[in-house]
Amino acid sequence: VQFVESGGGTVQPGGSLRLSCAASGFMFTAYAMAWYRQAPGKEREFVAANSGIGDSTAYASFAKGRFTISRDNPKTTAYLQMNNLTPEDTAIYYCNRVTASGPIAMTPPSGFQDYGSWGQGTQVTVRS
């Protein structure tokens, strides 16, 4: 199981980035995909997730209305479109596979299971 994140960079407040996550080593459609982030000195936190098949999605409160998670199953790639970025969004962003006992939209991130190993992540820096 492997995840390779890319697309990070340095942007000004109000800018946008599109992150990509190339996944391999497992049946992509059998898992939901989730994005997490870790800011300096803070714990890793949930950002967004979407189901393997169908359109069930979940977002952290700070991501709603600004971030959009999507996936391309034939390419086994997940994406995170981030708009209207603020300095508080500065972090390393990671992706991972997860499973849930019910729809992703109805499952709290604490209920996610079956994570793979974490990749290197991609750095997002938002500054003037």
Protein backbone atom coordinates (compact mmCIF):
# COMPACT_ATOMS: atom_id res chain seq x y z
CA VAL A 1 0.00 0.00 0.00
CA GLN A 2 1.48 3.32 -1.05
CA PHE A 3 0.37 6.93 -1.26
CA VAL A 4 2.24 9.67 -3.08
CA GLU A 5 0.96 13.16 -2.44
CA SER A 6 1.78 16.09 -4.68
CA GLY A 7 0.58 19.55 -5.66
CA GLY A 8 1.56 21.50 -2.58
CA GLY A 9 3.35 24.81 -2.67
CA THR A 10 3.38 28.36 -1.40
CA VAL A 11 0.44 30.60 -2.14
CA GLN A 12 -0.88 33.91 -0.94
CA PRO A 13 -3.98 34.17 1.22
CA GLY A 14 -7.05 33.74 -0.94
CA GLY A 15 -5.18 31.50 -3.36
CA SER A 16 -5.95 27.97 -4.48
CA LEU A 17 -4.15 24.66 -4.76
CA ARG A 18 -5.12 21.24 -6.06
CA LEU A 19 -3.50 18.34 -4.27
CA SER A 20 -3.19 14.88 -5.81
CA CYS A 21 -2.75 11.51 -4.16
CA ALA A 22 -1.58 8.60 -6.29
CA ALA A 23 -2.54 5.37 -4.54
CA SER A 24 -1.34 1.84 -5.25
CA GLY A 25 -1.19 -1.63 -3.76
CA PHE A 26 -4.86 -2.16 -2.90
CA MET A 27 -8.29 -2.27 -4.51
CA PHE A 28 -8.91 1.45 -4.79
CA THR A 29 -12.69 1.33 -5.16
CA ALA A 30 -13.06 -0.82 -2.03
CA TYR A 31 -11.92 2.03 0.18
CA ALA A 32 -12.87 5.55 0.96
CA MET A 33 -10.07 8.05 0.57
CA ALA A 34 -9.34 10.68 3.18
CA TRP A 35 -7.16 13.75 3.47
CA TYR A 36 -5.51 14.79 6.71
CA ARG A 37 -3.15 17.60 7.60
CA GLN A 38 -0.59 18.32 10.27
CA ALA A 39 0.53 21.82 11.14
CA PRO A 40 3.78 22.49 13.02
CA GLY A 41 3.41 21.60 16.67
CA LYS A 42 -0.08 20.19 16.22
CA GLU A 43 -1.59 16.75 15.85
CA ARG A 44 -2.70 15.40 12.53
CA GLU A 45 -6.31 16.32 11.84
CA PHE A 46 -9.01 15.17 9.47
CA VAL A 47 -9.78 17.32 6.44
CA ALA A 48 -12.12 15.42 4.10
CA ALA A 49 -13.10 11.96 2.89
CA ASN A 50 -15.13 10.42 0.10
CA SER A 51 -16.48 6.96 -0.54
CA GLY A 52 -14.97 4.46 -2.94
CA ILE A 53 -18.08 4.31 -5.05
CA GLY A 54 -20.90 6.79 -4.93
CA ASP A 55 -20.85 10.35 -3.71
CA SER A 56 -20.77 10.16 0.06
CA THR A 57 -18.40 12.82 1.38
CA ALA A 58 -17.41 14.30 4.72
CA TYR A 59 -15.57 17.51 5.54
CA ALA A 60 -14.08 19.06 8.63
CA SER A 61 -15.86 22.24 9.58
CA PHE A 62 -12.94 24.40 8.45
CA ALA A 63 -12.98 22.75 5.03
CA LYS A 64 -16.66 23.06 4.24
CA GLY A 65 -17.34 25.52 1.45
CA ARG A 66 -13.65 25.93 0.61
CA PHE A 67 -12.27 22.44 -0.05
CA THR A 68 -13.58 19.78 -2.43
CA ILE A 69 -12.51 16.16 -2.36
CA SER A 70 -12.79 14.01 -5.46
CA ARG A 71 -11.29 10.88 -6.95
CA ASP A 72 -10.60 9.26 -10.30
CA ASN A 73 -11.05 5.53 -9.76
CA PRO A 74 -9.50 4.34 -13.06
CA LYS A 75 -6.40 6.39 -12.24
CA THR A 76 -6.45 5.35 -8.55
CA THR A 77 -5.93 8.98 -7.66
CA ALA A 78 -7.62 11.21 -5.11
CA TYR A 79 -7.70 14.99 -5.22
CA LEU A 80 -8.26 17.86 -2.85
CA GLN A 81 -9.17 21.21 -4.38
CA MET A 82 -8.51 23.98 -1.88
CA ASN A 83 -9.80 27.50 -2.44
CA ASN A 84 -9.68 30.71 -0.43
CA LEU A 85 -6.68 29.51 1.52
CA THR A 86 -5.64 31.22 4.74
CA PRO A 87 -2.40 31.09 6.74
CA GLU A 88 -4.18 28.69 9.13
CA ASP A 89 -4.24 26.15 6.31
CA THR A 90 -0.44 25.92 6.36
CA ALA A 91 0.41 22.27 7.03
CA ILE A 92 1.67 19.05 5.52
CA TYR A 93 -1.24 17.34 3.79
CA TYR A 94 -1.53 13.56 3.70
CA CYS A 95 -3.93 11.12 2.09
CA ASN A 96 -4.87 7.63 3.19
CA ARG A 97 -7.43 4.93 2.58
CA VAL A 98 -10.09 4.25 5.19
CA THR A 99 -13.14 2.13 5.77
CA ALA A 100 -16.23 2.95 7.77
CA SER A 101 -19.09 0.93 9.19
CA GLY A 102 -21.61 3.16 7.43
CA PRO A 103 -21.75 5.95 4.87
CA ILE A 104 -18.75 8.24 5.02
CA ALA A 105 -21.01 11.24 5.44
CA MET A 106 -22.53 9.66 8.59
CA THR A 107 -19.32 8.37 10.17
CA PRO A 108 -17.13 10.52 12.40
CA PRO A 109 -13.43 10.36 11.52
CA SER A 110 -12.79 8.65 14.85
CA GLY A 111 -14.70 5.70 13.41
CA PHE A 112 -12.49 5.28 10.36
CA GLN A 113 -10.44 2.07 10.17
CA ASP A 114 -8.00 0.15 7.98
CA TYR A 115 -5.53 2.93 7.38
CA GLY A 116 -2.50 2.21 5.25
CA SER A 117 0.99 3.49 5.98
CA TRP A 118 1.29 7.25 5.74
CA GLY A 119 3.13 8.76 2.81
CA GLN A 120 5.50 11.73 2.85
CA GLY A 121 2.74 14.25 2.41
CA THR A 122 2.88 17.52 0.51
CA GLN A 123 3.66 20.88 2.10
CA VAL A 124 1.14 23.69 1.78
CA THR A 125 2.25 27.14 2.89
CA VAL A 126 -0.04 30.15 2.82
CA ARG A 127 1.62 33.51 3.42
CA SER A 128 1.63 37.05 2.12
